Amino acid sequence: AVSELVAEVESAVDAVSELAAEVESAVDAVSELVAEVESAVDAVSELAAEVESAVDAVSELADEVESAVDAVSEVVGASESVLEALTRIHLPFE
């Protein structure tokens, strides 16, 4: 009877050990999954930062283009004023 009880206890201990190993394996798998998710989140965060940087660069470029267009408009306006003034002045070219 004692040997049967010992055998049952040993069997229970083995079952608990197997269960503990399975739990440890599951915990390891979850830890790996968490690490992969963190890595993916980091990659998305880096991509978002790069996109934000690109948007900032495009915005700066748009500002520079707008400034250049304004400068060209001023030059065109000044040229038109000069042409108008020249057409009003009738200089003798003889």
N, C-alpha and C. Protein backbone atom coordinates (compact mmCIF):
# COMPACT_ATOMS: atom_id res chain seq x y z
N ALA A 1 0.82 -1.18 0.00
CA ALA A 1 0.00 0.00 0.00
C ALA A 1 0.87 1.26 0.00
N VAL A 2 1.96 1.21 0.77
CA VAL A 2 2.85 2.37 0.81
C VAL A 2 3.54 2.53 -0.53
N SER A 3 3.95 1.42 -1.16
CA SER A 3 4.62 1.51 -2.45
C SER A 3 3.68 2.06 -3.52
N GLU A 4 2.39 1.69 -3.40
CA GLU A 4 1.41 2.24 -4.35
C GLU A 4 1.24 3.74 -4.14
N LEU A 5 1.23 4.16 -2.88
CA LEU A 5 1.12 5.59 -2.56
C LEU A 5 2.34 6.34 -3.07
N VAL A 6 3.52 5.76 -2.89
CA VAL A 6 4.77 6.37 -3.38
C VAL A 6 4.72 6.49 -4.91
N ALA A 7 4.24 5.43 -5.56
CA ALA A 7 4.14 5.45 -7.02
C ALA A 7 3.17 6.54 -7.49
N GLU A 8 2.05 6.67 -6.79
CA GLU A 8 1.09 7.71 -7.14
C GLU A 8 1.66 9.11 -6.93
N VAL A 9 2.40 9.28 -5.82
CA VAL A 9 3.02 10.58 -5.55
C VAL A 9 4.06 10.88 -6.64
N GLU A 10 4.88 9.86 -6.98
CA GLU A 10 5.88 10.06 -8.04
C GLU A 10 5.20 10.41 -9.37
N SER A 11 4.11 9.76 -9.68
CA SER A 11 3.36 10.03 -10.89
C SER A 11 2.82 11.46 -10.88
N ALA A 12 2.29 11.86 -9.73
CA ALA A 12 1.76 13.23 -9.59
C ALA A 12 2.88 14.25 -9.74
N VAL A 13 4.04 13.95 -9.14
CA VAL A 13 5.20 14.86 -9.24
C VAL A 13 5.65 14.96 -10.70
N ASP A 14 5.68 13.82 -11.40
CA ASP A 14 6.05 13.83 -12.81
C ASP A 14 5.06 14.67 -13.63
N ALA A 15 3.76 14.50 -13.34
CA ALA A 15 2.74 15.26 -14.06
C ALA A 15 2.89 16.76 -13.80
N VAL A 16 3.16 17.10 -12.54
CA VAL A 16 3.36 18.52 -12.19
C VAL A 16 4.61 19.05 -12.88
N SER A 17 5.66 18.25 -12.93
CA SER A 17 6.90 18.68 -13.61
C SER A 17 6.66 18.90 -15.10
N GLU A 18 5.90 17.98 -15.72
CA GLU A 18 5.58 18.14 -17.13
C GLU A 18 4.75 19.40 -17.36
N LEU A 19 3.76 19.61 -16.47
CA LEU A 19 2.93 20.80 -16.58
C LEU A 19 3.77 22.06 -16.41
N ALA A 20 4.69 22.05 -15.47
CA ALA A 20 5.57 23.20 -15.25
C ALA A 20 6.41 23.46 -16.49
N ALA A 21 6.91 22.40 -17.12
CA ALA A 21 7.71 22.55 -18.34
C ALA A 21 6.86 23.14 -19.46
N GLU A 22 5.62 22.69 -19.58
CA GLU A 22 4.72 23.22 -20.60
C GLU A 22 4.40 24.69 -20.35
N VAL A 23 4.17 25.03 -19.07
CA VAL A 23 3.90 26.43 -18.72
C VAL A 23 5.13 27.28 -19.04
N GLU A 24 6.31 26.79 -18.70
CA GLU A 24 7.55 27.53 -18.98
C GLU A 24 7.72 27.73 -20.49
N SER A 25 7.42 26.68 -21.25
CA SER A 25 7.50 26.78 -22.71
C SER A 25 6.51 27.81 -23.24
N ALA A 26 5.30 27.81 -22.69
CA ALA A 26 4.28 28.78 -23.11
C ALA A 26 4.72 30.19 -22.76
N VAL A 27 5.29 30.36 -21.56
CA VAL A 27 5.78 31.67 -21.15
C VAL A 27 6.89 32.14 -22.09
N ASP A 28 7.80 31.23 -22.45
CA ASP A 28 8.87 31.58 -23.39
C ASP A 28 8.29 32.01 -24.73
N ALA A 29 7.29 31.29 -25.22
CA ALA A 29 6.66 31.63 -26.49
C ALA A 29 6.00 33.00 -26.42
N VAL A 30 5.31 33.28 -25.31
CA VAL A 30 4.68 34.58 -25.14
C VAL A 30 5.74 35.68 -25.07
N SER A 31 6.84 35.42 -24.38
CA SER A 31 7.93 36.40 -24.29
C SER A 31 8.51 36.70 -25.67
N GLU A 32 8.69 35.65 -26.47
CA GLU A 32 9.19 35.85 -27.83
C GLU A 32 8.20 36.67 -28.65
N LEU A 33 6.91 36.37 -28.50
CA LEU A 33 5.88 37.11 -29.23
C LEU A 33 5.88 38.58 -28.80
N VAL A 34 6.01 38.83 -27.52
CA VAL A 34 6.06 40.20 -27.01
C VAL A 34 7.27 40.93 -27.60
N ALA A 35 8.41 40.24 -27.66
CA ALA A 35 9.61 40.85 -28.23
C ALA A 35 9.40 41.18 -29.70
N GLU A 36 8.74 40.29 -30.43
CA GLU A 36 8.46 40.54 -31.85
C GLU A 36 7.50 41.72 -32.01
N VAL A 37 6.50 41.79 -31.16
CA VAL A 37 5.55 42.91 -31.22
C VAL A 37 6.28 44.22 -30.91
N GLU A 38 7.14 44.21 -29.89
CA GLU A 38 7.90 45.41 -29.55
C GLU A 38 8.78 45.83 -30.72
N SER A 39 9.40 44.85 -31.37
CA SER A 39 10.24 45.14 -32.53
C SER A 39 9.41 45.75 -33.66
N ALA A 40 8.23 45.19 -33.89
CA ALA A 40 7.35 45.73 -34.94
C ALA A 40 6.90 47.15 -34.59
N VAL A 41 6.58 47.39 -33.33
CA VAL A 41 6.18 48.73 -32.89
C VAL A 41 7.34 49.71 -33.09
N ASP A 42 8.55 49.28 -32.75
CA ASP A 42 9.72 50.14 -32.96
C ASP A 42 9.90 50.47 -34.44
N ALA A 43 9.73 49.45 -35.29
CA ALA A 43 9.88 49.67 -36.74
C ALA A 43 8.82 50.65 -37.24
N VAL A 44 7.59 50.49 -36.79
CA VAL A 44 6.52 51.40 -37.20
C VAL A 44 6.81 52.81 -36.69
N SER A 45 7.32 52.91 -35.48
CA SER A 45 7.65 54.21 -34.91
C SER A 45 8.75 54.88 -35.71
N GLU A 46 9.78 54.11 -36.09
CA GLU A 46 10.86 54.66 -36.92
C GLU A 46 10.32 55.11 -38.27
N LEU A 47 9.45 54.30 -38.86
CA LEU A 47 8.86 54.67 -40.14
C LEU A 47 8.04 55.94 -40.02
N ALA A 48 7.28 56.05 -38.94
CA ALA A 48 6.48 57.25 -38.72
C ALA A 48 7.38 58.48 -38.59
N ALA A 49 8.51 58.32 -37.90
CA ALA A 49 9.46 59.44 -37.76
C ALA A 49 10.03 59.83 -39.12
N GLU A 50 10.34 58.82 -39.95
CA GLU A 50 10.87 59.11 -41.29
C GLU A 50 9.82 59.80 -42.14
N VAL A 51 8.57 59.35 -42.05
CA VAL A 51 7.48 59.99 -42.81
C VAL A 51 7.31 61.43 -42.34
N GLU A 52 7.34 61.64 -41.04
CA GLU A 52 7.20 63.00 -40.50
C GLU A 52 8.34 63.89 -40.99
N SER A 53 9.54 63.34 -41.02
CA SER A 53 10.70 64.09 -41.51
C SER A 53 10.53 64.43 -42.99
N ALA A 54 10.03 63.46 -43.77
CA ALA A 54 9.81 63.70 -45.20
C ALA A 54 8.73 64.77 -45.39
N VAL A 55 7.68 64.71 -44.60
CA VAL A 55 6.61 65.72 -44.70
C VAL A 55 7.17 67.09 -44.36
N ASP A 56 8.01 67.17 -43.34
CA ASP A 56 8.62 68.45 -42.98
C ASP A 56 9.49 68.97 -44.12
N ALA A 57 10.26 68.08 -44.74
CA ALA A 57 11.11 68.48 -45.85
C ALA A 57 10.28 68.98 -47.03
N VAL A 58 9.19 68.28 -47.33
CA VAL A 58 8.32 68.71 -48.43
C VAL A 58 7.69 70.06 -48.11
N SER A 59 7.30 70.24 -46.86
CA SER A 59 6.71 71.52 -46.44
C SER A 59 7.72 72.66 -46.60
N GLU A 60 8.97 72.40 -46.19
CA GLU A 60 10.02 73.41 -46.35
C GLU A 60 10.24 73.72 -47.83
N LEU A 61 10.26 72.67 -48.64
CA LEU A 61 10.44 72.86 -50.08
C LEU A 61 9.29 73.68 -50.66
N ALA A 62 8.07 73.39 -50.22
CA ALA A 62 6.91 74.15 -50.70
C ALA A 62 7.05 75.62 -50.31
N ASP A 63 7.54 75.88 -49.10
CA ASP A 63 7.75 77.27 -48.67
C ASP A 63 8.79 77.95 -49.55
N GLU A 64 9.87 77.22 -49.87
CA GLU A 64 10.91 77.78 -50.73
C GLU A 64 10.38 78.06 -52.13
N VAL A 65 9.58 77.13 -52.66
CA VAL A 65 8.98 77.33 -53.98
C VAL A 65 8.05 78.54 -53.96
N GLU A 66 7.25 78.65 -52.92
CA GLU A 66 6.35 79.80 -52.80
C GLU A 66 7.14 81.10 -52.75
N SER A 67 8.24 81.09 -52.01
CA SER A 67 9.08 82.28 -51.91
C SER A 67 9.69 82.61 -53.28
N ALA A 68 10.13 81.58 -54.00
CA ALA A 68 10.70 81.80 -55.33
C ALA A 68 9.65 82.35 -56.29
N VAL A 69 8.43 81.81 -56.21
CA VAL A 69 7.34 82.30 -57.06
C VAL A 69 7.04 83.76 -56.74
N ASP A 70 7.04 84.10 -55.46
CA ASP A 70 6.81 85.49 -55.06
C ASP A 70 7.91 86.40 -55.63
N ALA A 71 9.16 85.93 -55.56
CA ALA A 71 10.28 86.73 -56.08
C ALA A 71 10.14 86.91 -57.59
N VAL A 72 9.78 85.83 -58.29
CA VAL A 72 9.60 85.93 -59.74
C VAL A 72 8.45 86.88 -60.06
N SER A 73 7.38 86.81 -59.29
CA SER A 73 6.24 87.71 -59.51
C SER A 73 6.67 89.17 -59.34
N GLU A 74 7.50 89.41 -58.34
CA GLU A 74 7.98 90.78 -58.13
C GLU A 74 8.83 91.24 -59.30
N VAL A 75 9.69 90.37 -59.81
CA VAL A 75 10.53 90.72 -60.95
C VAL A 75 9.65 90.98 -62.17
N VAL A 76 8.65 90.13 -62.39
CA VAL A 76 7.74 90.32 -63.52
C VAL A 76 7.00 91.65 -63.37
N GLY A 77 6.53 91.92 -62.17
CA GLY A 77 5.83 93.19 -61.92
C GLY A 77 6.73 94.38 -62.19
N ALA A 78 7.96 94.31 -61.74
CA ALA A 78 8.90 95.40 -61.97
C ALA A 78 9.19 95.54 -63.45
N SER A 79 9.34 94.42 -64.15
CA SER A 79 9.59 94.46 -65.59
C SER A 79 8.43 95.09 -66.33
N GLU A 80 7.21 94.75 -65.91
CA GLU A 80 6.04 95.35 -66.54
C GLU A 80 6.01 96.85 -66.32
N SER A 81 6.38 97.27 -65.11
CA SER A 81 6.41 98.71 -64.81
C SER A 81 7.44 99.41 -65.68
N VAL A 82 8.59 98.79 -65.85
CA VAL A 82 9.64 99.39 -66.69
C VAL A 82 9.16 99.47 -68.14
N LEU A 83 8.54 98.40 -68.63
CA LEU A 83 8.04 98.40 -70.01
C LEU A 83 6.96 99.47 -70.20
N GLU A 84 6.08 99.61 -69.23
CA GLU A 84 5.04 100.64 -69.32
C GLU A 84 5.66 102.02 -69.35
N ALA A 85 6.67 102.22 -68.51
CA ALA A 85 7.34 103.52 -68.48
C ALA A 85 8.03 103.79 -69.81
N LEU A 86 8.66 102.77 -70.37
CA LEU A 86 9.37 102.95 -71.63
C LEU A 86 8.40 103.23 -72.78
N THR A 87 7.23 102.63 -72.75
CA THR A 87 6.26 102.89 -73.82
C THR A 87 5.68 104.29 -73.72
N ARG A 88 5.68 104.86 -72.54
CA ARG A 88 5.18 106.23 -72.37
C ARG A 88 6.22 107.26 -72.83
N ILE A 89 7.47 106.88 -72.68
CA ILE A 89 8.56 107.81 -73.06
C ILE A 89 8.83 107.61 -74.55
N HIS A 90 8.79 108.68 -75.29
CA HIS A 90 9.09 108.61 -76.71
C HIS A 90 10.44 109.28 -76.93
N LEU A 91 11.47 108.50 -76.84
CA LEU A 91 12.79 109.04 -77.04
C LEU A 91 13.11 109.05 -78.52
N PRO A 92 13.73 110.11 -78.97
CA PRO A 92 14.11 110.11 -80.38
C PRO A 92 15.28 109.18 -80.58
N PHE A 93 15.14 108.27 -81.50
CA PHE A 93 16.22 107.32 -81.78
C PHE A 93 16.92 107.68 -83.09
N GLU A 94 16.86 108.90 -83.45
CA GLU A 94 17.47 109.32 -84.70
C GLU A 94 18.81 109.93 -84.47
